[in-house]
Full PDB file with SEQRES, HELIX, SHEET, SSBOND, CRYST1, ORIGX, SCALE, CONECT and MASTER records, all heavy atoms in Angstrom:
SEQRES   1 A   36  GLY GLU LEU ASN MET ARG ALA MET SER LEU VAL TYR THR          
SEQRES   2 A   36  THR LEU LEU ALA ILE VAL PRO LEU LEU ALA VAL SER PHE          
SEQRES   3 A   36  SER VAL LEU LYS GLY PHE GLY TYR HIS ASN                      
HELIX    1 AA1 GLU A    2  GLY A   31  1                                  30    
CRYST1    1.000    1.000    1.000  90.00  90.00  90.00 P 1           1          
ORIGX1      1.000000  0.000000  0.000000        0.00000                         
ORIGX2      0.000000  1.000000  0.000000        0.00000                         
ORIGX3      0.000000  0.000000  1.000000        0.00000                         
SCALE1      1.000000  0.000000  0.000000        0.00000                         
SCALE2      0.000000  1.000000  0.000000        0.00000                         
SCALE3      0.000000  0.000000  1.000000        0.00000                         
ATOM      1  N   GLY A   1      85.403  97.269 112.990  1.00  0.00           N  
ATOM      2  CA  GLY A   1      86.487  98.248 112.916  1.00  0.00           C  
ATOM      3  C   GLY A   1      87.813  97.708 112.432  1.00  0.00           C  
ATOM      4  O   GLY A   1      88.737  98.493 112.167  1.00  0.00           O  
ATOM      5  N   GLU A   2      87.939  96.399 112.241  1.00  0.00           N  
ATOM      6  CA  GLU A   2      89.227  95.829 111.850  1.00  0.00           C  
ATOM      7  C   GLU A   2      89.599  96.216 110.420  1.00  0.00           C  
ATOM      8  O   GLU A   2      90.734  96.612 110.147  1.00  0.00           O  
ATOM      9  CB  GLU A   2      89.178  94.306 111.985  1.00  0.00           C  
ATOM     10  CG  GLU A   2      90.510  93.608 111.779  1.00  0.00           C  
ATOM     11  CD  GLU A   2      91.515  93.905 112.871  1.00  0.00           C  
ATOM     12  OE1 GLU A   2      91.093  94.155 114.012  1.00  0.00           O  
ATOM     13  OE2 GLU A   2      92.723  93.894 112.579  1.00  0.00           O  
ATOM     14  N   LEU A   3      88.648  96.105 109.492  1.00  0.00           N  
ATOM     15  CA  LEU A   3      88.937  96.479 108.107  1.00  0.00           C  
ATOM     16  C   LEU A   3      89.259  97.964 108.004  1.00  0.00           C  
ATOM     17  O   LEU A   3      90.165  98.367 107.258  1.00  0.00           O  
ATOM     18  CB  LEU A   3      87.746  96.131 107.207  1.00  0.00           C  
ATOM     19  CG  LEU A   3      87.481  94.649 106.942  1.00  0.00           C  
ATOM     20  CD1 LEU A   3      86.278  94.479 106.028  1.00  0.00           C  
ATOM     21  CD2 LEU A   3      88.692  93.964 106.340  1.00  0.00           C  
ATOM     22  N   ASN A   4      88.523  98.793 108.750  1.00  0.00           N  
ATOM     23  CA  ASN A   4      88.783 100.234 108.722  1.00  0.00           C  
ATOM     24  C   ASN A   4      90.184 100.547 109.244  1.00  0.00           C  
ATOM     25  O   ASN A   4      90.899 101.383 108.672  1.00  0.00           O  
ATOM     26  CB  ASN A   4      87.742 100.966 109.577  1.00  0.00           C  
ATOM     27  CG  ASN A   4      86.331 100.750 109.066  1.00  0.00           C  
ATOM     28  OD1 ASN A   4      85.896 101.398 108.145  1.00  0.00           O  
ATOM     29  ND2 ASN A   4      85.628  99.819 109.679  1.00  0.00           N  
ATOM     30  N   MET A   5      90.572  99.875 110.328  1.00  0.00           N  
ATOM     31  CA  MET A   5      91.886 100.127 110.910  1.00  0.00           C  
ATOM     32  C   MET A   5      92.997  99.722 109.950  1.00  0.00           C  
ATOM     33  O   MET A   5      93.999 100.436 109.797  1.00  0.00           O  
ATOM     34  CB  MET A   5      92.024  99.364 112.227  1.00  0.00           C  
ATOM     35  CG  MET A   5      93.334  99.624 112.957  1.00  0.00           C  
ATOM     36  SD  MET A   5      93.463  98.693 114.490  1.00  0.00           S  
ATOM     37  CE  MET A   5      93.569  97.007 113.849  1.00  0.00           C  
ATOM     38  N   ARG A   6      92.836  98.590 109.280  1.00  0.00           N  
ATOM     39  CA  ARG A   6      93.862  98.140 108.346  1.00  0.00           C  
ATOM     40  C   ARG A   6      93.922  99.048 107.119  1.00  0.00           C  
ATOM     41  O   ARG A   6      94.997  99.299 106.565  1.00  0.00           O  
ATOM     42  CB  ARG A   6      93.606  96.690 107.948  1.00  0.00           C  
ATOM     43  CG  ARG A   6      93.797  95.724 109.115  1.00  0.00           C  
ATOM     44  CD  ARG A   6      93.594  94.269 108.737  1.00  0.00           C  
ATOM     45  NE  ARG A   6      93.779  93.423 109.911  1.00  0.00           N  
ATOM     46  CZ  ARG A   6      94.947  92.963 110.337  1.00  0.00           C  
ATOM     47  NH1 ARG A   6      96.048  93.275 109.673  1.00  0.00           N  
ATOM     48  NH2 ARG A   6      95.029  92.195 111.405  1.00  0.00           N  
ATOM     49  N   ALA A   7      92.776  99.546 106.675  1.00  0.00           N  
ATOM     50  CA  ALA A   7      92.776 100.484 105.553  1.00  0.00           C  
ATOM     51  C   ALA A   7      93.504 101.772 105.937  1.00  0.00           C  
ATOM     52  O   ALA A   7      94.281 102.315 105.141  1.00  0.00           O  
ATOM     53  CB  ALA A   7      91.342 100.787 105.124  1.00  0.00           C  
ATOM     54  N   MET A   8      93.270 102.258 107.161  1.00  0.00           N  
ATOM     55  CA  MET A   8      93.974 103.462 107.619  1.00  0.00           C  
ATOM     56  C   MET A   8      95.481 103.233 107.702  1.00  0.00           C  
ATOM     57  O   MET A   8      96.278 104.101 107.340  1.00  0.00           O  
ATOM     58  CB  MET A   8      93.435 103.876 108.994  1.00  0.00           C  
ATOM     59  CG  MET A   8      92.011 104.371 108.979  1.00  0.00           C  
ATOM     60  SD  MET A   8      91.416 104.751 110.644  1.00  0.00           S  
ATOM     61  CE  MET A   8      89.695 105.135 110.304  1.00  0.00           C  
ATOM     62  N   SER A   9      95.872 102.049 108.174  1.00  0.00           N  
ATOM     63  CA  SER A   9      97.287 101.728 108.258  1.00  0.00           C  
ATOM     64  C   SER A   9      97.932 101.708 106.871  1.00  0.00           C  
ATOM     65  O   SER A   9      99.053 102.189 106.676  1.00  0.00           O  
ATOM     66  CB  SER A   9      97.473 100.374 108.956  1.00  0.00           C  
ATOM     67  OG  SER A   9      98.819  99.952 108.915  1.00  0.00           O  
ATOM     68  N   LEU A  10      97.203 101.186 105.894  1.00  0.00           N  
ATOM     69  CA  LEU A  10      97.729 101.128 104.531  1.00  0.00           C  
ATOM     70  C   LEU A  10      97.829 102.521 103.909  1.00  0.00           C  
ATOM     71  O   LEU A  10      98.708 102.765 103.074  1.00  0.00           O  
ATOM     72  CB  LEU A  10      96.841 100.221 103.676  1.00  0.00           C  
ATOM     73  CG  LEU A  10      96.955  98.721 103.993  1.00  0.00           C  
ATOM     74  CD1 LEU A  10      95.887  97.931 103.251  1.00  0.00           C  
ATOM     75  CD2 LEU A  10      98.333  98.195 103.636  1.00  0.00           C  
ATOM     76  N   VAL A  11      96.938 103.431 104.307  1.00  0.00           N  
ATOM     77  CA  VAL A  11      97.027 104.806 103.817  1.00  0.00           C  
ATOM     78  C   VAL A  11      98.340 105.434 104.266  1.00  0.00           C  
ATOM     79  O   VAL A  11      99.068 106.047 103.468  1.00  0.00           O  
ATOM     80  CB  VAL A  11      95.832 105.639 104.335  1.00  0.00           C  
ATOM     81  CG1 VAL A  11      96.072 107.126 104.065  1.00  0.00           C  
ATOM     82  CG2 VAL A  11      94.554 105.182 103.657  1.00  0.00           C  
ATOM     83  N   TYR A  12      98.668 105.277 105.534  1.00  0.00           N  
ATOM     84  CA  TYR A  12      99.907 105.852 106.073  1.00  0.00           C  
ATOM     85  C   TYR A  12     101.127 105.262 105.360  1.00  0.00           C  
ATOM     86  O   TYR A  12     102.037 105.987 104.946  1.00  0.00           O  
ATOM     87  CB  TYR A  12      99.984 105.569 107.574  1.00  0.00           C  
ATOM     88  CG  TYR A  12     101.300 105.945 108.209  1.00  0.00           C  
ATOM     89  CD1 TYR A  12     101.640 107.281 108.436  1.00  0.00           C  
ATOM     90  CD2 TYR A  12     102.217 104.962 108.579  1.00  0.00           C  
ATOM     91  CE1 TYR A  12     102.853 107.619 109.013  1.00  0.00           C  
ATOM     92  CE2 TYR A  12     103.442 105.303 109.156  1.00  0.00           C  
ATOM     93  CZ  TYR A  12     103.745 106.631 109.368  1.00  0.00           C  
ATOM     94  OH  TYR A  12     104.950 106.958 109.931  1.00  0.00           O  
ATOM     95  N   THR A  13     101.138 103.948 105.185  1.00  0.00           N  
ATOM     96  CA  THR A  13     102.275 103.309 104.524  1.00  0.00           C  
ATOM     97  C   THR A  13     102.356 103.706 103.056  1.00  0.00           C  
ATOM     98  O   THR A  13     103.448 103.862 102.501  1.00  0.00           O  
ATOM     99  CB  THR A  13     102.161 101.781 104.647  1.00  0.00           C  
ATOM    100  OG1 THR A  13     101.907 101.424 106.005  1.00  0.00           O  
ATOM    101  CG2 THR A  13     103.439 101.103 104.195  1.00  0.00           C  
ATOM    102  N   THR A  14     101.194 103.877 102.424  1.00  0.00           N  
ATOM    103  CA  THR A  14     101.175 104.280 101.015  1.00  0.00           C  
ATOM    104  C   THR A  14     101.792 105.651 100.830  1.00  0.00           C  
ATOM    105  O   THR A  14     102.547 105.891  99.872  1.00  0.00           O  
ATOM    106  CB  THR A  14      99.735 104.275 100.477  1.00  0.00           C  
ATOM    107  OG1 THR A  14      99.165 102.970 100.640  1.00  0.00           O  
ATOM    108  CG2 THR A  14      99.715 104.641  99.000  1.00  0.00           C  
ATOM    109  N   LEU A  15     101.478 106.574 101.740  1.00  0.00           N  
ATOM    110  CA  LEU A  15     102.043 107.922 101.646  1.00  0.00           C  
ATOM    111  C   LEU A  15     103.570 107.893 101.728  1.00  0.00           C  
ATOM    112  O   LEU A  15     104.258 108.680 101.065  1.00  0.00           O  
ATOM    113  CB  LEU A  15     101.472 108.813 102.758  1.00  0.00           C  
ATOM    114  CG  LEU A  15      99.995 109.176 102.631  1.00  0.00           C  
ATOM    115  CD1 LEU A  15      99.532 109.942 103.862  1.00  0.00           C  
ATOM    116  CD2 LEU A  15      99.744 109.999 101.370  1.00  0.00           C  
ATOM    117  N   LEU A  16     104.100 106.966 102.545  1.00  0.00           N  
ATOM    118  CA  LEU A  16     105.549 106.856 102.668  1.00  0.00           C  
ATOM    119  C   LEU A  16     106.179 106.144 101.473  1.00  0.00           C  
ATOM    120  O   LEU A  16     107.306 106.456 101.075  1.00  0.00           O  
ATOM    121  CB  LEU A  16     105.904 106.098 103.954  1.00  0.00           C  
ATOM    122  CG  LEU A  16     105.598 106.786 105.286  1.00  0.00           C  
ATOM    123  CD1 LEU A  16     105.949 105.869 106.443  1.00  0.00           C  
ATOM    124  CD2 LEU A  16     106.353 108.099 105.407  1.00  0.00           C  
ATOM    125  N   ALA A  17     105.448 105.190 100.907  1.00  0.00           N  
ATOM    126  CA  ALA A  17     106.060 104.293  99.915  1.00  0.00           C  
ATOM    127  C   ALA A  17     105.707 104.627  98.479  1.00  0.00           C  
ATOM    128  O   ALA A  17     106.291 104.043  97.561  1.00  0.00           O  
ATOM    129  CB  ALA A  17     105.657 102.845 100.211  1.00  0.00           C  
ATOM    130  N   ILE A  18     104.759 105.536  98.255  1.00  0.00           N  
ATOM    131  CA  ILE A  18     104.295 105.732  96.877  1.00  0.00           C  
ATOM    132  C   ILE A  18     105.409 106.269  95.971  1.00  0.00           C  
ATOM    133  O   ILE A  18     105.556 105.826  94.825  1.00  0.00           O  
ATOM    134  CB  ILE A  18     103.058 106.667  96.851  1.00  0.00           C  
ATOM    135  CG1 ILE A  18     102.491 106.718  95.436  1.00  0.00           C  
ATOM    136  CG2 ILE A  18     103.399 108.067  97.366  1.00  0.00           C  
ATOM    137  CD1 ILE A  18     101.140 107.387  95.365  1.00  0.00           C  
ATOM    138  N   VAL A  19     106.220 107.204  96.475  1.00  0.00           N  
ATOM    139  CA  VAL A  19     107.303 107.740  95.640  1.00  0.00           C  
ATOM    140  C   VAL A  19     108.378 106.680  95.387  1.00  0.00           C  
ATOM    141  O   VAL A  19     108.789 106.481  94.223  1.00  0.00           O  
ATOM    142  CB  VAL A  19     107.897 109.008  96.279  1.00  0.00           C  
ATOM    143  CG1 VAL A  19     109.160 109.437  95.541  1.00  0.00           C  
ATOM    144  CG2 VAL A  19     106.863 110.132  96.253  1.00  0.00           C  
ATOM    145  N   PRO A  20     108.884 105.961  96.408  1.00  0.00           N  
ATOM    146  CA  PRO A  20     109.844 104.886  96.115  1.00  0.00           C  
ATOM    147  C   PRO A  20     109.287 103.814  95.195  1.00  0.00           C  
ATOM    148  O   PRO A  20     109.989 103.312  94.304  1.00  0.00           O  
ATOM    149  CB  PRO A  20     110.154 104.314  97.512  1.00  0.00           C  
ATOM    150  CG  PRO A  20     109.874 105.428  98.456  1.00  0.00           C  
ATOM    151  CD  PRO A  20     108.730 106.171  97.868  1.00  0.00           C  
ATOM    152  N   LEU A  21     108.007 103.453  95.400  1.00  0.00           N  
ATOM    153  CA  LEU A  21     107.406 102.427  94.554  1.00  0.00           C  
ATOM    154  C   LEU A  21     107.356 102.879  93.105  1.00  0.00           C  
ATOM    155  O   LEU A  21     107.727 102.133  92.188  1.00  0.00           O  
ATOM    156  CB  LEU A  21     105.996 102.103  95.068  1.00  0.00           C  
ATOM    157  CG  LEU A  21     105.202 101.057  94.280  1.00  0.00           C  
ATOM    158  CD1 LEU A  21     105.909  99.710  94.338  1.00  0.00           C  
ATOM    159  CD2 LEU A  21     103.793 100.945  94.824  1.00  0.00           C  
ATOM    160  N   LEU A  22     106.908 104.093  92.886  1.00  0.00           N  
ATOM    161  CA  LEU A  22     106.844 104.614  91.525  1.00  0.00           C  
ATOM    162  C   LEU A  22     108.240 104.845  90.947  1.00  0.00           C  
ATOM    163  O   LEU A  22     108.433 104.749  89.731  1.00  0.00           O  
ATOM    164  CB  LEU A  22     106.042 105.909  91.493  1.00  0.00           C  
ATOM    165  CG  LEU A  22     104.543 105.768  91.783  1.00  0.00           C  
ATOM    166  CD1 LEU A  22     103.871 107.128  91.815  1.00  0.00           C  
ATOM    167  CD2 LEU A  22     103.876 104.869  90.753  1.00  0.00           C  
ATOM    168  N   ALA A  23     109.208 105.143  91.825  1.00  0.00           N  
ATOM    169  CA  ALA A  23     110.586 105.321  91.345  1.00  0.00           C  
ATOM    170  C   ALA A  23     111.131 104.013  90.787  1.00  0.00           C  
ATOM    171  O   ALA A  23     111.801 103.993  89.741  1.00  0.00           O  
ATOM    172  CB  ALA A  23     111.468 105.826  92.483  1.00  0.00           C  
ATOM    173  N   VAL A  24     110.844 102.915  91.481  1.00  0.00           N  
ATOM    174  CA  VAL A  24     111.266 101.608  90.979  1.00  0.00           C  
ATOM    175  C   VAL A  24     110.571 101.295  89.660  1.00  0.00           C  
ATOM    176  O   VAL A  24     111.194 100.844  88.682  1.00  0.00           O  
ATOM    177  CB  VAL A  24     110.977 100.519  92.031  1.00  0.00           C  
ATOM    178  CG1 VAL A  24     111.295  99.130  91.467  1.00  0.00           C  
ATOM    179  CG2 VAL A  24     111.794 100.760  93.296  1.00  0.00           C  
ATOM    180  N   SER A  25     109.255 101.542  89.615  1.00  0.00           N  
ATOM    181  CA  SER A  25     108.510 101.302  88.382  1.00  0.00           C  
ATOM    182  C   SER A  25     109.013 102.203  87.258  1.00  0.00           C  
ATOM    183  O   SER A  25     109.127 101.772  86.105  1.00  0.00           O  
ATOM    184  CB  SER A  25     107.014 101.551  88.616  1.00  0.00           C  
ATOM    185  OG  SER A  25     106.515 100.711  89.633  1.00  0.00           O  
ATOM    186  N   PHE A  26     109.320 103.452  87.599  1.00  0.00           N  
ATOM    187  CA  PHE A  26     109.842 104.402  86.622  1.00  0.00           C  
ATOM    188  C   PHE A  26     111.157 103.898  86.029  1.00  0.00           C  
ATOM    189  O   PHE A  26     111.386 103.991  84.816  1.00  0.00           O  
ATOM    190  CB  PHE A  26     110.042 105.763  87.293  1.00  0.00           C  
ATOM    191  CG  PHE A  26     110.472 106.850  86.355  1.00  0.00           C  
ATOM    192  CD1 PHE A  26     109.536 107.557  85.611  1.00  0.00           C  
ATOM    193  CD2 PHE A  26     111.814 107.179  86.212  1.00  0.00           C  
ATOM    194  CE1 PHE A  26     109.931 108.565  84.756  1.00  0.00           C  
ATOM    195  CE2 PHE A  26     112.213 108.182  85.358  1.00  0.00           C  
ATOM    196  CZ  PHE A  26     111.273 108.880  84.620  1.00  0.00           C  
ATOM    197  N   SER A  27     112.021 103.341  86.885  1.00  0.00           N  
ATOM    198  CA  SER A  27     113.307 102.821  86.407  1.00  0.00           C  
ATOM    199  C   SER A  27     113.108 101.650  85.454  1.00  0.00           C  
ATOM    200  O   SER A  27     113.803 101.535  84.438  1.00  0.00           O  
ATOM    201  CB  SER A  27     114.158 102.392  87.609  1.00  0.00           C  
ATOM    202  OG  SER A  27     114.392 103.484  88.474  1.00  0.00           O  
ATOM    203  N   VAL A  28     112.150 100.779  85.795  1.00  0.00           N  
ATOM    204  CA  VAL A  28     111.878  99.620  84.929  1.00  0.00           C  
ATOM    205  C   VAL A  28     111.342 100.097  83.576  1.00  0.00           C  
ATOM    206  O   VAL A  28     111.800  99.652  82.508  1.00  0.00           O  
ATOM    207  CB  VAL A  28     110.877  98.674  85.613  1.00  0.00           C  
ATOM    208  CG1 VAL A  28     110.479  97.545  84.664  1.00  0.00           C  
ATOM    209  CG2 VAL A  28     111.476  98.107  86.891  1.00  0.00           C  
ATOM    210  N   LEU A  29     110.368 101.003  83.621  1.00  0.00           N  
ATOM    211  CA  LEU A  29     109.771 101.485  82.375  1.00  0.00           C  
ATOM    212  C   LEU A  29     110.777 102.265  81.534  1.00  0.00           C  
ATOM    213  O   LEU A  29     110.752 102.223  80.300  1.00  0.00           O  
ATOM    214  CB  LEU A  29     108.559 102.368  82.688  1.00  0.00           C  
ATOM    215  CG  LEU A  29     107.380 101.664  83.365  1.00  0.00           C  
ATOM    216  CD1 LEU A  29     106.290 102.663  83.703  1.00  0.00           C  
ATOM    217  CD2 LEU A  29     106.827 100.564  82.475  1.00  0.00           C  
ATOM    218  N   LYS A  30     111.680 102.966  82.210  1.00  0.00           N  
ATOM    219  CA  LYS A  30     112.690 103.740  81.490  1.00  0.00           C  
ATOM    220  C   LYS A  30     113.625 102.827  80.708  1.00  0.00           C  
ATOM    221  O   LYS A  30     114.077 103.164  79.608  1.00  0.00           O  
ATOM    222  CB  LYS A  30     113.484 104.592  82.473  1.00  0.00           C  
ATOM    223  CG  LYS A  30     114.367 105.643  81.813  1.00  0.00           C  
ATOM    224  CD  LYS A  30     114.979 106.586  82.841  1.00  0.00           C  
ATOM    225  CE  LYS A  30     115.790 107.691  82.161  1.00  0.00           C  
ATOM    226  NZ  LYS A  30     116.372 108.621  83.159  1.00  0.00           N  
ATOM    227  N   GLY A  31     113.900 101.658  81.291  1.00  0.00           N  
ATOM    228  CA  GLY A  31     114.755 100.699  80.596  1.00  0.00           C  
ATOM    229  C   GLY A  31     114.139 100.188  79.309  1.00  0.00           C  
ATOM    230  O   GLY A  31     114.855  99.789  78.382  1.00  0.00           O  
ATOM    231  N   PHE A  32     112.791 100.220  79.215  1.00  0.00           N  
ATOM    232  CA  PHE A  32     112.109  99.751  78.014  1.00  0.00           C  
ATOM    233  C   PHE A  32     111.580 100.918  77.175  1.00  0.00           C  
ATOM    234  O   PHE A  32     110.889 100.706  76.183  1.00  0.00           O  
ATOM    235  CB  PHE A  32     110.937  98.838  78.403  1.00  0.00           C  
ATOM    236  CG  PHE A  32     111.363  97.508  78.937  1.00  0.00           C  
ATOM    237  CD1 PHE A  32     111.628  97.332  80.288  1.00  0.00           C  
ATOM    238  CD2 PHE A  32     111.509  96.410  78.089  1.00  0.00           C  
ATOM    239  CE1 PHE A  32     112.022  96.108  80.788  1.00  0.00           C  
ATOM    240  CE2 PHE A  32     111.905  95.184  78.579  1.00  0.00           C  
ATOM    241  CZ  PHE A  32     112.171  95.021  79.930  1.00  0.00           C  
ATOM    242  N   GLY A  33     111.898 102.134  77.607  1.00  0.00           N  
ATOM    243  CA  GLY A  33     111.477 103.300  76.836  1.00  0.00           C  
ATOM    244  C   GLY A  33     110.036 103.706  77.031  1.00  0.00           C  
ATOM    245  O   GLY A  33     109.480 104.435  76.201  1.00  0.00           O  
ATOM    246  N   TYR A  34     109.393 103.252  78.121  1.00  0.00           N  
ATOM    247  CA  TYR A  34     107.982 103.565  78.354  1.00  0.00           C  
ATOM    248  C   TYR A  34     107.778 104.441  79.591  1.00  0.00           C  
ATOM    249  O   TYR A  34     106.673 104.546  80.110  1.00  0.00           O  
ATOM    250  CB  TYR A  34     107.174 102.278  78.541  1.00  0.00           C  
ATOM    251  CG  TYR A  34     107.018 101.454  77.278  1.00  0.00           C  
ATOM    252  CD1 TYR A  34     107.689 100.242  77.136  1.00  0.00           C  
ATOM    253  CD2 TYR A  34     106.200 101.889  76.248  1.00  0.00           C  
ATOM    254  CE1 TYR A  34     107.552  99.485  75.982  1.00  0.00           C  
ATOM    255  CE2 TYR A  34     106.056 101.139  75.090  1.00  0.00           C  
ATOM    256  CZ  TYR A  34     106.732  99.935  74.961  1.00  0.00           C  
ATOM    257  OH  TYR A  34     106.593  99.200  73.826  1.00  0.00           O  
ATOM    258  N   HIS A  35     108.832 105.092  80.055  1.00  0.00           N  
ATOM    259  CA  HIS A  35     108.709 105.841  81.301  1.00  0.00           C  
ATOM    260  C   HIS A  35     107.758 107.033  81.181  1.00  0.00           C  
ATOM    261  O   HIS A  35     107.217 107.495  82.183  1.00  0.00           O  
ATOM    262  CB  HIS A  35     110.092 106.330  81.758  1.00  0.00           C  
ATOM    263  CG  HIS A  35     110.830 107.120  80.738  1.00  0.00           C  
ATOM    264  ND1 HIS A  35     111.414 106.530  79.638  1.00  0.00           N  
ATOM    265  CD2 HIS A  35     111.075 108.458  80.642  1.00  0.00           C  
ATOM    266  CE1 HIS A  35     112.002 107.475  78.899  1.00  0.00           C  
ATOM    267  NE2 HIS A  35     111.806 108.651  79.494  1.00  0.00           N  
ATOM    268  N   ASN A  36     107.554 107.525  79.967  1.00  0.00           N  
ATOM    269  CA  ASN A  36     106.642 108.645  79.783  1.00  0.00           C  
ATOM    270  C   ASN A  36     105.178 108.253  79.959  1.00  0.00           C  
ATOM    271  O   ASN A  36     104.294 109.121  79.993  1.00  0.00           O  
ATOM    272  CB  ASN A  36     106.833 109.262  78.393  1.00  0.00           C  
ATOM    273  CG  ASN A  36     108.198 109.932  78.251  1.00  0.00           C  
ATOM    274  OD1 ASN A  36     108.734 110.474  79.218  1.00  0.00           O  
ATOM    275  ND2 ASN A  36     108.770 109.878  77.062  1.00  0.00           N  
TER     276      ASN A  36                                                      
MASTER        0    0    0    1    0    0    0    6  275    1    0    3          
END                                                                             
């Protein structure tokens, strides 16, 4: 059950962090003209 528990924990954190993470990536790509 340890791997399952850690995967579940990462799901919760991913839901919280996916928009900020992509926002940072979006900013980087926008600086190089690849944000689309």
